[in-house]
Amino acid sequence: MGEHSARHLRRILRSYLTNWALAEVSDAAELALTELVANVVRHVPGRHCSVLILRAEDGVRVEVADTCPRLPKARSAGPLDDGGRGLALVEAVSDRWGVSPVLGKGGKTVWFECVAKT
């Protein structure tokens, strides 16, 4: 993952959402994806992950998987802290989110879903 990876992934996500007539969830899904990719860049050794974008029955599901066994934890960031708000943002803009450990291999998948309201 490089510093331009999130921008490229947002374009891909927006393209899928437009094709699936889910443009209404684009802003929220792009922000959540950006935060999950930023977490990989900051916290995963080697900065490698895979991203899966799935059409869900009522919206979109995005999964970001990596090989780091440390599970992310939401934390309370102070007003002057540079970071610590990523998972809070994912929770705020998505309808559902979670973390699934990859058993036997280490690593995890962090996912979120954005539901179309119409």
PDB file of N, CA and C in Angstrom:
ATOM      1  N   MET A   1       0.841  -1.176   0.000  1.00  0.00           N
ATOM      2  CA  MET A   1       0.000   0.000   0.000  1.00  0.00           C
ATOM      3  C   MET A   1       0.884   1.236   0.000  1.00  0.00           C
ATOM      4  N   GLY A   2       0.592   2.108  -0.876  1.00  0.00           N
ATOM      5  CA  GLY A   2       1.285   3.381  -0.907  1.00  0.00           C
ATOM      6  C   GLY A   2       0.315   4.499  -0.555  1.00  0.00           C
ATOM      7  N   GLU A   3       0.822   5.699  -0.544  1.00  0.00           N
ATOM      8  CA  GLU A   3      -0.021   6.822  -0.155  1.00  0.00           C
ATOM      9  C   GLU A   3      -1.123   7.106  -1.173  1.00  0.00           C
ATOM     10  N   HIS A   4      -0.970   6.625  -2.402  1.00  0.00           N
ATOM     11  CA  HIS A   4      -1.995   6.847  -3.421  1.00  0.00           C
ATOM     12  C   HIS A   4      -2.985   5.695  -3.525  1.00  0.00           C
ATOM     13  N   SER A   5      -2.763   4.631  -2.779  1.00  0.00           N
ATOM     14  CA  SER A   5      -3.618   3.455  -2.864  1.00  0.00           C
ATOM     15  C   SER A   5      -5.064   3.760  -2.496  1.00  0.00           C
ATOM     16  N   ALA A   6      -5.286   4.520  -1.455  1.00  0.00           N
ATOM     17  CA  ALA A   6      -6.648   4.821  -1.022  1.00  0.00           C
ATOM     18  C   ALA A   6      -7.408   5.572  -2.121  1.00  0.00           C
ATOM     19  N   ARG A   7      -6.755   6.499  -2.776  1.00  0.00           N
ATOM     20  CA  ARG A   7      -7.407   7.251  -3.855  1.00  0.00           C
ATOM     21  C   ARG A   7      -7.829   6.306  -4.985  1.00  0.00           C
ATOM     22  N   HIS A   8      -6.949   5.413  -5.370  1.00  0.00           N
ATOM     23  CA  HIS A   8      -7.242   4.448  -6.431  1.00  0.00           C
ATOM     24  C   HIS A   8      -8.399   3.527  -6.020  1.00  0.00           C
ATOM     25  N   LEU A   9      -8.373   3.047  -4.792  1.00  0.00           N
ATOM     26  CA  LEU A   9      -9.446   2.170  -4.306  1.00  0.00           C
ATOM     27  C   LEU A   9     -10.779   2.909  -4.215  1.00  0.00           C
ATOM     28  N   ARG A  10     -10.764   4.167  -3.841  1.00  0.00           N
ATOM     29  CA  ARG A  10     -12.011   4.952  -3.815  1.00  0.00           C
ATOM     30  C   ARG A  10     -12.621   5.062  -5.211  1.00  0.00           C
ATOM     31  N   ARG A  11     -11.774   5.279  -6.221  1.00  0.00           N
ATOM     32  CA  ARG A  11     -12.275   5.360  -7.602  1.00  0.00           C
ATOM     33  C   ARG A  11     -12.923   4.042  -8.027  1.00  0.00           C
ATOM     34  N   ILE A  12     -12.275   2.950  -7.690  1.00  0.00           N
ATOM     35  CA  ILE A  12     -12.829   1.637  -8.032  1.00  0.00           C
ATOM     36  C   ILE A  12     -14.160   1.431  -7.319  1.00  0.00           C
ATOM     37  N   LEU A  13     -14.195   1.726  -6.031  1.00  0.00           N
ATOM     38  CA  LEU A  13     -15.429   1.568  -5.258  1.00  0.00           C
ATOM     39  C   LEU A  13     -16.547   2.430  -5.840  1.00  0.00           C
ATOM     40  N   ARG A  14     -16.247   3.687  -6.138  1.00  0.00           N
ATOM     41  CA  ARG A  14     -17.268   4.580  -6.699  1.00  0.00           C
ATOM     42  C   ARG A  14     -17.790   4.036  -8.031  1.00  0.00           C
ATOM     43  N   SER A  15     -16.910   3.484  -8.841  1.00  0.00           N
ATOM     44  CA  SER A  15     -17.322   2.908 -10.119  1.00  0.00           C
ATOM     45  C   SER A  15     -18.303   1.752  -9.907  1.00  0.00           C
ATOM     46  N   TYR A  16     -17.976   0.855  -8.985  1.00  0.00           N
ATOM     47  CA  TYR A  16     -18.897  -0.247  -8.674  1.00  0.00           C
ATOM     48  C   TYR A  16     -20.236   0.289  -8.174  1.00  0.00           C
ATOM     49  N   LEU A  17     -20.189   1.219  -7.256  1.00  0.00           N
ATOM     50  CA  LEU A  17     -21.431   1.737  -6.677  1.00  0.00           C
ATOM     51  C   LEU A  17     -22.292   2.431  -7.726  1.00  0.00           C
ATOM     52  N   THR A  18     -21.678   3.141  -8.629  1.00  0.00           N
ATOM     53  CA  THR A  18     -22.429   3.789  -9.712  1.00  0.00           C
ATOM     54  C   THR A  18     -23.084   2.737 -10.605  1.00  0.00           C
ATOM     55  N   ASN A  19     -22.314   1.717 -10.978  1.00  0.00           N
ATOM     56  CA  ASN A  19     -22.857   0.648 -11.822  1.00  0.00           C
ATOM     57  C   ASN A  19     -23.972  -0.127 -11.134  1.00  0.00           C
ATOM     58  N   TRP A  20     -23.931  -0.229  -9.822  1.00  0.00           N
ATOM     59  CA  TRP A  20     -24.950  -0.956  -9.069  1.00  0.00           C
ATOM     60  C   TRP A  20     -26.106  -0.047  -8.632  1.00  0.00           C
ATOM     61  N   ALA A  21     -26.134   1.178  -9.098  1.00  0.00           N
ATOM     62  CA  ALA A  21     -27.159   2.158  -8.717  1.00  0.00           C
ATOM     63  C   ALA A  21     -27.180   2.383  -7.203  1.00  0.00           C
ATOM     64  N   LEU A  22     -25.994   2.449  -6.623  1.00  0.00           N
ATOM     65  CA  LEU A  22     -25.848   2.685  -5.187  1.00  0.00           C
ATOM     66  C   LEU A  22     -25.038   3.948  -4.901  1.00  0.00           C
ATOM     67  N   ALA A  23     -25.082   4.902  -5.818  1.00  0.00           N
ATOM     68  CA  ALA A  23     -24.288   6.122  -5.654  1.00  0.00           C
ATOM     69  C   ALA A  23     -24.607   6.848  -4.350  1.00  0.00           C
ATOM     70  N   GLU A  24     -25.799   6.657  -3.814  1.00  0.00           N
ATOM     71  CA  GLU A  24     -26.180   7.345  -2.576  1.00  0.00           C
ATOM     72  C   GLU A  24     -25.309   6.958  -1.380  1.00  0.00           C
ATOM     73  N   VAL A  25     -24.663   5.794  -1.435  1.00  0.00           N
ATOM     74  CA  VAL A  25     -23.801   5.381  -0.318  1.00  0.00           C
ATOM     75  C   VAL A  25     -22.318   5.630  -0.607  1.00  0.00           C
ATOM     76  N   SER A  26     -22.014   6.244  -1.752  1.00  0.00           N
ATOM     77  CA  SER A  26     -20.614   6.435  -2.155  1.00  0.00           C
ATOM     78  C   SER A  26     -19.786   7.213  -1.141  1.00  0.00           C
ATOM     79  N   ASP A  27     -20.291   8.352  -0.693  1.00  0.00           N
ATOM     80  CA  ASP A  27     -19.493   9.176   0.229  1.00  0.00           C
ATOM     81  C   ASP A  27     -19.154   8.408   1.505  1.00  0.00           C
ATOM     82  N   ALA A  28     -20.145   7.765   2.082  1.00  0.00           N
ATOM     83  CA  ALA A  28     -19.921   7.017   3.327  1.00  0.00           C
ATOM     84  C   ALA A  28     -18.979   5.843   3.093  1.00  0.00           C
ATOM     85  N   ALA A  29     -19.209   5.093   2.027  1.00  0.00           N
ATOM     86  CA  ALA A  29     -18.376   3.915   1.754  1.00  0.00           C
ATOM     87  C   ALA A  29     -16.939   4.317   1.441  1.00  0.00           C
ATOM     88  N   GLU A  30     -16.761   5.394   0.692  1.00  0.00           N
ATOM     89  CA  GLU A  30     -15.407   5.840   0.373  1.00  0.00           C
ATOM     90  C   GLU A  30     -14.657   6.283   1.624  1.00  0.00           C
ATOM     91  N   LEU A  31     -15.331   6.998   2.516  1.00  0.00           N
ATOM     92  CA  LEU A  31     -14.681   7.429   3.752  1.00  0.00           C
ATOM     93  C   LEU A  31     -14.294   6.226   4.611  1.00  0.00           C
ATOM     94  N   ALA A  32     -15.203   5.278   4.751  1.00  0.00           N
ATOM     95  CA  ALA A  32     -14.902   4.092   5.559  1.00  0.00           C
ATOM     96  C   ALA A  32     -13.748   3.299   4.955  1.00  0.00           C
ATOM     97  N   LEU A  33     -13.741   3.123   3.642  1.00  0.00           N
ATOM     98  CA  LEU A  33     -12.644   2.408   2.978  1.00  0.00           C
ATOM     99  C   LEU A  33     -11.319   3.137   3.193  1.00  0.00           C
ATOM    100  N   THR A  34     -11.326   4.440   3.062  1.00  0.00           N
ATOM    101  CA  THR A  34     -10.112   5.230   3.277  1.00  0.00           C
ATOM    102  C   THR A  34      -9.562   5.009   4.684  1.00  0.00           C
ATOM    103  N   GLU A  35     -10.424   4.989   5.674  1.00  0.00           N
ATOM    104  CA  GLU A  35      -9.975   4.790   7.054  1.00  0.00           C
ATOM    105  C   GLU A  35      -9.390   3.401   7.256  1.00  0.00           C
ATOM    106  N   LEU A  36     -10.017   2.382   6.673  1.00  0.00           N
ATOM    107  CA  LEU A  36      -9.482   1.025   6.835  1.00  0.00           C
ATOM    108  C   LEU A  36      -8.136   0.863   6.133  1.00  0.00           C
ATOM    109  N   VAL A  37      -7.986   1.466   4.964  1.00  0.00           N
ATOM    110  CA  VAL A  37      -6.705   1.414   4.262  1.00  0.00           C
ATOM    111  C   VAL A  37      -5.643   2.192   5.039  1.00  0.00           C
ATOM    112  N   ALA A  38      -6.015   3.324   5.613  1.00  0.00           N
ATOM    113  CA  ALA A  38      -5.072   4.100   6.425  1.00  0.00           C
ATOM    114  C   ALA A  38      -4.599   3.284   7.620  1.00  0.00           C
ATOM    115  N   ASN A  39      -5.498   2.498   8.210  1.00  0.00           N
ATOM    116  CA  ASN A  39      -5.094   1.637   9.329  1.00  0.00           C
ATOM    117  C   ASN A  39      -4.072   0.594   8.889  1.00  0.00           C
ATOM    118  N   VAL A  40      -4.237   0.055   7.689  1.00  0.00           N
ATOM    119  CA  VAL A  40      -3.250  -0.904   7.169  1.00  0.00           C
ATOM    120  C   VAL A  40      -1.901  -0.213   7.011  1.00  0.00           C
ATOM    121  N   VAL A  41      -1.904   0.961   6.402  1.00  0.00           N
ATOM    122  CA  VAL A  41      -0.652   1.692   6.177  1.00  0.00           C
ATOM    123  C   VAL A  41       0.040   2.001   7.498  1.00  0.00           C
ATOM    124  N   ARG A  42      -0.727   2.362   8.524  1.00  0.00           N
ATOM    125  CA  ARG A  42      -0.139   2.751   9.808  1.00  0.00           C
ATOM    126  C   ARG A  42       0.249   1.566  10.695  1.00  0.00           C
ATOM    127  N   HIS A  43      -0.515   0.480  10.653  1.00  0.00           N
ATOM    128  CA  HIS A  43      -0.375  -0.537  11.693  1.00  0.00           C
ATOM    129  C   HIS A  43       0.014  -1.934  11.219  1.00  0.00           C
ATOM    130  N   VAL A  44       0.007  -2.203   9.926  1.00  0.00           N
ATOM    131  CA  VAL A  44       0.295  -3.556   9.447  1.00  0.00           C
ATOM    132  C   VAL A  44       1.720  -3.602   8.895  1.00  0.00           C
ATOM    133  N   PRO A  45       2.571  -4.462   9.468  1.00  0.00           N
ATOM    134  CA  PRO A  45       3.921  -4.608   8.924  1.00  0.00           C
ATOM    135  C   PRO A  45       3.861  -5.010   7.449  1.00  0.00           C
ATOM    136  N   GLY A  46       4.623  -4.333   6.621  1.00  0.00           N
ATOM    137  CA  GLY A  46       4.623  -4.610   5.194  1.00  0.00           C
ATOM    138  C   GLY A  46       3.529  -3.883   4.429  1.00  0.00           C
ATOM    139  N   ARG A  47       2.537  -3.367   5.127  1.00  0.00           N
ATOM    140  CA  ARG A  47       1.473  -2.553   4.534  1.00  0.00           C
ATOM    141  C   ARG A  47       0.729  -3.263   3.410  1.00  0.00           C
ATOM    142  N   HIS A  48       0.542  -4.588   3.536  1.00  0.00           N
ATOM    143  CA  HIS A  48      -0.157  -5.353   2.505  1.00  0.00           C
ATOM    144  C   HIS A  48      -1.547  -5.735   2.980  1.00  0.00           C
ATOM    145  N   CYS A  49      -2.497  -5.673   2.059  1.00  0.00           N
ATOM    146  CA  CYS A  49      -3.852  -6.101   2.361  1.00  0.00           C
ATOM    147  C   CYS A  49      -4.543  -6.483   1.059  1.00  0.00           C
ATOM    148  N   SER A  50      -5.690  -7.084   1.194  1.00  0.00           N
ATOM    149  CA  SER A  50      -6.550  -7.318   0.033  1.00  0.00           C
ATOM    150  C   SER A  50      -7.893  -6.668   0.328  1.00  0.00           C
ATOM    151  N   VAL A  51      -8.515  -6.151  -0.715  1.00  0.00           N
ATOM    152  CA  VAL A  51      -9.795  -5.466  -0.583  1.00  0.00           C
ATOM    153  C   VAL A  51     -10.813  -6.206  -1.438  1.00  0.00           C
ATOM    154  N   LEU A  52     -11.962  -6.471  -0.848  1.00  0.00           N
ATOM    155  CA  LEU A  52     -13.049  -7.143  -1.537  1.00  0.00           C
ATOM    156  C   LEU A  52     -14.279  -6.247  -1.464  1.00  0.00           C
ATOM    157  N   ILE A  53     -14.872  -5.971  -2.616  1.00  0.00           N
ATOM    158  CA  ILE A  53     -16.078  -5.143  -2.695  1.00  0.00           C
ATOM    159  C   ILE A  53     -17.207  -6.041  -3.173  1.00  0.00           C
ATOM    160  N   LEU A  54     -18.241  -6.156  -2.356  1.00  0.00           N
ATOM    161  CA  LEU A  54     -19.337  -7.075  -2.646  1.00  0.00           C
ATOM    162  C   LEU A  54     -20.668  -6.335  -2.711  1.00  0.00           C
ATOM    163  N   ARG A  55     -21.475  -6.703  -3.673  1.00  0.00           N
ATOM    164  CA  ARG A  55     -22.854  -6.189  -3.736  1.00  0.00           C
ATOM    165  C   ARG A  55     -23.653  -6.979  -2.720  1.00  0.00           C
ATOM    166  N   ALA A  56     -24.170  -6.300  -1.729  1.00  0.00           N
ATOM    167  CA  ALA A  56     -25.004  -6.940  -0.720  1.00  0.00           C
ATOM    168  C   ALA A  56     -26.459  -6.790  -1.142  1.00  0.00           C
ATOM    169  N   GLU A  57     -27.327  -7.549  -0.505  1.00  0.00           N
ATOM    170  CA  GLU A  57     -28.749  -7.502  -0.847  1.00  0.00           C
ATOM    171  C   GLU A  57     -29.309  -6.087  -0.769  1.00  0.00           C
ATOM    172  N   ASP A  58     -28.886  -5.345   0.242  1.00  0.00           N
ATOM    173  CA  ASP A  58     -29.439  -4.015   0.470  1.00  0.00           C
ATOM    174  C   ASP A  58     -28.417  -2.892   0.344  1.00  0.00           C
ATOM    175  N   GLY A  59     -27.247  -3.182  -0.214  1.00  0.00           N
ATOM    176  CA  GLY A  59     -26.220  -2.150  -0.330  1.00  0.00           C
ATOM    177  C   GLY A  59     -24.891  -2.732  -0.755  1.00  0.00           C
ATOM    178  N   VAL A  60     -23.840  -2.339  -0.052  1.00  0.00           N
ATOM    179  CA  VAL A  60     -22.494  -2.789  -0.376  1.00  0.00           C
ATOM    180  C   VAL A  60     -21.777  -3.252   0.891  1.00  0.00           C
ATOM    181  N   ARG A  61     -20.921  -4.242   0.729  1.00  0.00           N
ATOM    182  CA  ARG A  61     -20.055  -4.710   1.811  1.00  0.00           C
ATOM    183  C   ARG A  61     -18.626  -4.615   1.293  1.00  0.00           C
ATOM    184  N   VAL A  62     -17.751  -4.044   2.110  1.00  0.00           N
ATOM    185  CA  VAL A  62     -16.341  -3.917   1.762  1.00  0.00           C
ATOM    186  C   VAL A  62     -15.534  -4.600   2.849  1.00  0.00           C
ATOM    187  N   GLU A  63     -14.594  -5.454   2.421  1.00  0.00           N
ATOM    188  CA  GLU A  63     -13.735  -6.181   3.349  1.00  0.00           C
ATOM    189  C   GLU A  63     -12.277  -5.845   3.062  1.00  0.00           C
ATOM    190  N   VAL A  64     -11.526  -5.566   4.114  1.00  0.00           N
ATOM    191  CA  VAL A  64     -10.098  -5.306   4.009  1.00  0.00           C
ATOM    192  C   VAL A  64      -9.402  -6.339   4.884  1.00  0.00           C
ATOM    193  N   ALA A  65      -8.649  -7.236   4.247  1.00  0.00           N
ATOM    194  CA  ALA A  65      -7.987  -8.330   4.958  1.00  0.00           C
ATOM    195  C   ALA A  65      -6.480  -8.133   4.946  1.00  0.00           C
ATOM    196  N   ASP A  66      -5.841  -8.484   6.068  1.00  0.00           N
ATOM    197  CA  ASP A  66      -4.387  -8.424   6.154  1.00  0.00           C
ATOM    198  C   ASP A  66      -3.880  -9.599   6.978  1.00  0.00           C
ATOM    199  N   THR A  67      -2.581  -9.729   7.078  1.00  0.00           N
ATOM    200  CA  THR A  67      -1.982 -10.865   7.783  1.00  0.00           C
ATOM    201  C   THR A  67      -1.519 -10.532   9.192  1.00  0.00           C
ATOM    202  N   CYS A  68      -1.813  -9.344   9.669  1.00  0.00           N
ATOM    203  CA  CYS A  68      -1.417  -8.949  11.020  1.00  0.00           C
ATOM    204  C   CYS A  68      -2.453  -9.471  12.020  1.00  0.00           C
ATOM    205  N   PRO A  69      -2.028 -10.235  13.025  1.00  0.00           N
ATOM    206  CA  PRO A  69      -2.997 -10.813  13.954  1.00  0.00           C
ATOM    207  C   PRO A  69      -3.590  -9.825  14.958  1.00  0.00           C
ATOM    208  N   ARG A  70      -2.987  -8.646  15.115  1.00  0.00           N
ATOM    209  CA  ARG A  70      -3.532  -7.663  16.063  1.00  0.00           C
ATOM    210  C   ARG A  70      -4.882  -7.164  15.585  1.00  0.00           C
ATOM    211  N   LEU A  71      -5.877  -7.289  16.445  1.00  0.00           N
ATOM    212  CA  LEU A  71      -7.207  -6.803  16.107  1.00  0.00           C
ATOM    213  C   LEU A  71      -7.297  -5.314  16.406  1.00  0.00           C
ATOM    214  N   PRO A  72      -7.946  -4.554  15.540  1.00  0.00           N
ATOM    215  CA  PRO A  72      -8.066  -3.119  15.793  1.00  0.00           C
ATOM    216  C   PRO A  72      -9.002  -2.850  16.958  1.00  0.00           C
ATOM    217  N   LYS A  73      -8.720  -1.789  17.672  1.00  0.00           N
ATOM    218  CA  LYS A  73      -9.574  -1.379  18.786  1.00  0.00           C
ATOM    219  C   LYS A  73      -9.924   0.090  18.614  1.00  0.00           C
ATOM    220  N   ALA A  74     -11.204   0.373  18.752  1.00  0.00           N
ATOM    221  CA  ALA A  74     -11.618   1.772  18.739  1.00  0.00           C
ATOM    222  C   ALA A  74     -11.086   2.419  20.012  1.00  0.00           C
ATOM    223  N   ARG A  75     -10.629   3.630  19.908  1.00  0.00           N
ATOM    224  CA  ARG A  75     -10.141   4.333  21.090  1.00  0.00           C
ATOM    225  C   ARG A  75     -10.690   5.743  21.097  1.00  0.00           C
ATOM    226  N   SER A  76     -10.617   6.346  22.233  1.00  0.00           N
ATOM    227  CA  SER A  76     -11.088   7.720  22.362  1.00  0.00           C
ATOM    228  C   SER A  76      -9.920   8.654  22.120  1.00  0.00           C
ATOM    229  N   ALA A  77     -10.029   9.440  21.070  1.00  0.00           N
ATOM    230  CA  ALA A  77      -8.973  10.394  20.755  1.00  0.00           C
ATOM    231  C   ALA A  77      -9.295  11.734  21.402  1.00  0.00           C
ATOM    232  N   GLY A  78      -8.270  12.352  21.913  1.00  0.00           N
ATOM    233  CA  GLY A  78      -8.431  13.683  22.477  1.00  0.00           C
ATOM    234  C   GLY A  78      -8.524  14.721  21.374  1.00  0.00           C
ATOM    235  N   PRO A  79      -8.948  15.911  21.694  1.00  0.00           N
ATOM    236  CA  PRO A  79      -9.136  16.944  20.676  1.00  0.00           C
ATOM    237  C   PRO A  79      -7.852  17.341  19.948  1.00  0.00           C
ATOM    238  N   LEU A  80      -6.696  17.131  20.555  1.00  0.00           N
ATOM    239  CA  LEU A  80      -5.432  17.499  19.928  1.00  0.00           C
ATOM    240  C   LEU A  80      -4.674  16.305  19.361  1.00  0.00           C
ATOM    241  N   ASP A  81      -5.221  15.093  19.482  1.00  0.00           N
ATOM    242  CA  ASP A  81      -4.559  13.904  18.960  1.00  0.00           C
ATOM    243  C   ASP A  81      -4.573  13.906  17.434  1.00  0.00           C
ATOM    244  N   ASP A  82      -3.465  13.422  16.841  1.00  0.00           N
ATOM    245  CA  ASP A  82      -3.369  13.340  15.382  1.00  0.00           C
ATOM    246  C   ASP A  82      -4.159  12.173  14.810  1.00  0.00           C
ATOM    247  N   GLY A  83      -4.400  11.152  15.582  1.00  0.00           N
ATOM    248  CA  GLY A  83      -5.087   9.961  15.078  1.00  0.00           C
ATOM    249  C   GLY A  83      -6.016   9.400  16.121  1.00  0.00           C
ATOM    250  N   GLY A  84      -6.490   8.193  15.847  1.00  0.00           N
ATOM    251  CA  GLY A  84      -7.335   7.514  16.816  1.00  0.00           C
ATOM    252  C   GLY A  84      -8.824   7.645  16.563  1.00  0.00           C
ATOM    253  N   ARG A  85      -9.190   8.199  15.412  1.00  0.00           N
ATOM    254  CA  ARG A  85     -10.617   8.388  15.120  1.00  0.00           C
ATOM    255  C   ARG A  85     -11.129   7.495  13.992  1.00  0.00           C
ATOM    256  N   GLY A  86     -10.242   6.716  13.382  1.00  0.00           N
ATOM    257  CA  GLY A  86     -10.597   5.939  12.198  1.00  0.00           C
ATOM    258  C   GLY A  86     -11.772   5.002  12.391  1.00  0.00           C
ATOM    259  N   LEU A  87     -11.720   4.157  13.405  1.00  0.00           N
ATOM    260  CA  LEU A  87     -12.816   3.210  13.621  1.00  0.00           C
ATOM    261  C   LEU A  87     -14.087   3.918  14.072  1.00  0.00           C
ATOM    262  N   ALA A  88     -13.942   5.015  14.789  1.00  0.00           N
ATOM    263  CA  ALA A  88     -15.125   5.796  15.161  1.00  0.00           C
ATOM    264  C   ALA A  88     -15.795   6.366  13.909  1.00  0.00           C
ATOM    265  N   LEU A  89     -14.994   6.783  12.936  1.00  0.00           N
ATOM    266  CA  LEU A  89     -15.554   7.269  11.675  1.00  0.00           C
ATOM    267  C   LEU A  89     -16.232   6.140  10.900  1.00  0.00           C
ATOM    268  N   VAL A  90     -15.589   4.981  10.859  1.00  0.00           N
ATOM    269  CA  VAL A  90     -16.195   3.829  10.171  1.00  0.00           C
ATOM    270  C   VAL A  90     -17.544   3.506  10.803  1.00  0.00           C
ATOM    271  N   GLU A  91     -17.582   3.493  12.121  1.00  0.00           N
ATOM    272  CA  GLU A  91     -18.842   3.218  12.819  1.00  0.00           C
ATOM    273  C   GLU A  91     -19.893   4.288  12.525  1.00  0.00           C
ATOM    274  N   ALA A  92     -19.468   5.537  12.452  1.00  0.00           N
ATOM    275  CA  ALA A  92     -20.409   6.638  12.247  1.00  0.00           C
ATOM    276  C   ALA A  92     -21.009   6.651  10.839  1.00  0.00           C
ATOM    277  N   VAL A  93     -20.229   6.272   9.830  1.00  0.00           N
ATOM    278  CA  VAL A  93     -20.722   6.404   8.452  1.00  0.00           C
ATOM    279  C   VAL A  93     -21.269   5.109   7.862  1.00  0.00           C
ATOM    280  N   SER A  94     -21.014   3.982   8.509  1.00  0.00           N
ATOM    281  CA  SER A  94     -21.515   2.713   7.973  1.00  0.00           C
ATOM    282  C   SER A  94     -22.715   2.247   8.788  1.00  0.00           C
ATOM    283  N   ASP A  95     -23.446   1.317   8.214  1.00  0.00           N
ATOM    284  CA  ASP A  95     -24.606   0.765   8.919  1.00  0.00           C
ATOM    285  C   ASP A  95     -24.217  -0.407   9.814  1.00  0.00           C
ATOM    286  N   ARG A  96     -23.194  -1.137   9.404  1.00  0.00           N
ATOM    287  CA  ARG A  96     -22.663  -2.249  10.192  1.00  0.00           C
ATOM    288  C   ARG A  96     -21.171  -2.351   9.909  1.00  0.00           C
ATOM    289  N   TRP A  97     -20.419  -2.794  10.890  1.00  0.00           N
ATOM    290  CA  TRP A  97     -19.004  -3.057  10.673  1.00  0.00           C
ATOM    291  C   TRP A  97     -18.533  -4.064  11.712  1.00  0.00           C
ATOM    292  N   GLY A  98     -17.388  -4.666  11.468  1.00  0.00           N
ATOM    293  CA  GLY A  98     -16.846  -5.608  12.425  1.00  0.00           C
ATOM    294  C   GLY A  98     -15.477  -6.100  12.009  1.00  0.00           C
ATOM    295  N   VAL A  99     -14.961  -7.022  12.816  1.00  0.00           N
ATOM    296  CA  VAL A  99     -13.653  -7.615  12.592  1.00  0.00           C
ATOM    297  C   VAL A  99     -13.796  -9.118  12.719  1.00  0.00           C
ATOM    298  N   SER A 100     -13.225  -9.849  11.775  1.00  0.00           N
ATOM    299  CA  SER A 100     -13.246 -11.305  11.818  1.00  0.00           C
ATOM    300  C   SER A 100     -11.808 -11.808  11.779  1.00  0.00           C
ATOM    301  N   PRO A 101     -11.342 -12.463  12.844  1.00  0.00           N
ATOM    302  CA  PRO A 101      -9.995 -13.034  12.797  1.00  0.00           C
ATOM    303  C   PRO A 101      -9.943 -14.159  11.765  1.00  0.00           C
ATOM    304  N   VAL A 102      -8.796 -14.315  11.124  1.00  0.00           N
ATOM    305  CA  VAL A 102      -8.592 -15.421  10.188  1.00  0.00           C
ATOM    306  C   VAL A 102      -7.958 -16.551  10.992  1.00  0.00           C
ATOM    307  N   LEU A 103      -8.755 -17.537  11.336  1.00  0.00           N
ATOM    308  CA  LEU A 103      -8.303 -18.626  12.194  1.00  0.00           C
ATOM    309  C   LEU A 103      -7.289 -19.507  11.478  1.00  0.00           C
ATOM    310  N   GLY A 104      -6.269 -19.904  12.209  1.00  0.00           N
ATOM    311  CA  GLY A 104      -5.258 -20.802  11.678  1.00  0.00           C
ATOM    312  C   GLY A 104      -4.165 -20.124  10.875  1.00  0.00           C
ATOM    313  N   LYS A 105      -4.424 -18.952  10.344  1.00  0.00           N
ATOM    314  CA  LYS A 105      -3.442 -18.263   9.513  1.00  0.00           C
ATOM    315  C   LYS A 105      -2.958 -16.969  10.140  1.00  0.00           C
ATOM    316  N   GLY A 106      -3.615 -16.535  11.192  1.00  0.00           N
ATOM    317  CA  GLY A 106      -3.334 -15.208  11.718  1.00  0.00           C
ATOM    318  C   GLY A 106      -3.999 -14.193  10.804  1.00  0.00           C
ATOM    319  N   GLY A 107      -3.914 -12.987  11.131  1.00  0.00           N
ATOM    320  CA  GLY A 107      -4.529 -11.958  10.307  1.00  0.00           C
ATOM    321  C   GLY A 107      -5.988 -11.746  10.655  1.00  0.00           C
ATOM    322  N   LYS A 108      -6.605 -10.864   9.889  1.00  0.00           N
ATOM    323  CA  LYS A 108      -7.987 -10.491  10.167  1.00  0.00           C
ATOM    324  C   LYS A 108      -8.608  -9.870   8.936  1.00  0.00           C
ATOM    325  N   THR A 109      -9.918  -9.791   8.973  1.00  0.00           N
ATOM    326  CA  THR A 109     -10.670  -9.052   7.972  1.00  0.00           C
ATOM    327  C   THR A 109     -11.509  -8.021   8.707  1.00  0.00           C
ATOM    328  N   VAL A 110     -11.340  -6.768   8.350  1.00  0.00           N
ATOM    329  CA  VAL A 110     -12.167  -5.696   8.886  1.00  0.00           C
ATOM    330  C   VAL A 110     -13.154  -5.342   7.766  1.00  0.00           C
ATOM    331  N   TRP A 111     -14.419  -5.287   8.101  1.00  0.00           N
ATOM    332  CA  TRP A 111     -15.445  -5.089   7.081  1.00  0.00           C
ATOM    333  C   TRP A 111     -16.457  -4.033   7.519  1.00  0.00           C
ATOM    334  N   PHE A 112     -17.139  -3.495   6.529  1.00  0.00           N
ATOM    335  CA  PHE A 112     -18.274  -2.600   6.818  1.00  0.00           C
ATOM    336  C   PHE A 112     -19.314  -2.773   5.733  1.00  0.00           C
ATOM    337  N   GLU A 113     -20.535  -2.373   6.063  1.00  0.00           N
ATOM    338  CA  GLU A 113     -21.633  -2.391   5.106  1.00  0.00           C
ATOM    339  C   GLU A 113     -22.331  -1.040   5.123  1.00  0.00           C
ATOM    340  N   CYS A 114     -22.677  -0.573   3.953  1.00  0.00           N
ATOM    341  CA  CYS A 114     -23.481   0.640   3.808  1.00  0.00           C
ATOM    342  C   CYS A 114     -24.760   0.233   3.079  1.00  0.00           C
ATOM    343  N   VAL A 115     -25.895   0.579   3.657  1.00  0.00           N
ATOM    344  CA  VAL A 115     -27.193   0.183   3.155  1.00  0.00           C
ATOM    345  C   VAL A 115     -27.832   1.349   2.407  1.00  0.00           C
ATOM    346  N   ALA A 116     -28.381   1.047   1.229  1.00  0.00           N
ATOM    347  CA  ALA A 116     -29.113   2.051   0.462  1.00  0.00           C
ATOM    348  C   ALA A 116     -30.457   2.297   1.146  1.00  0.00           C
ATOM    349  N   LYS A 117     -30.824   3.540   1.281  1.00  0.00           N
ATOM    350  CA  LYS A 117     -32.054   3.887   2.005  1.00  0.00           C
ATOM    351  C   LYS A 117     -33.293   3.874   1.117  1.00  0.00           C
ATOM    352  N   THR A 118     -33.114   3.913  -0.197  1.00  0.00           N
ATOM    353  CA  THR A 118     -34.275   3.947  -1.083  1.00  0.00           C
ATOM    354  C   THR A 118     -34.676   2.585  -1.569  1.00  0.00           C
TER     355      THR A 118
END
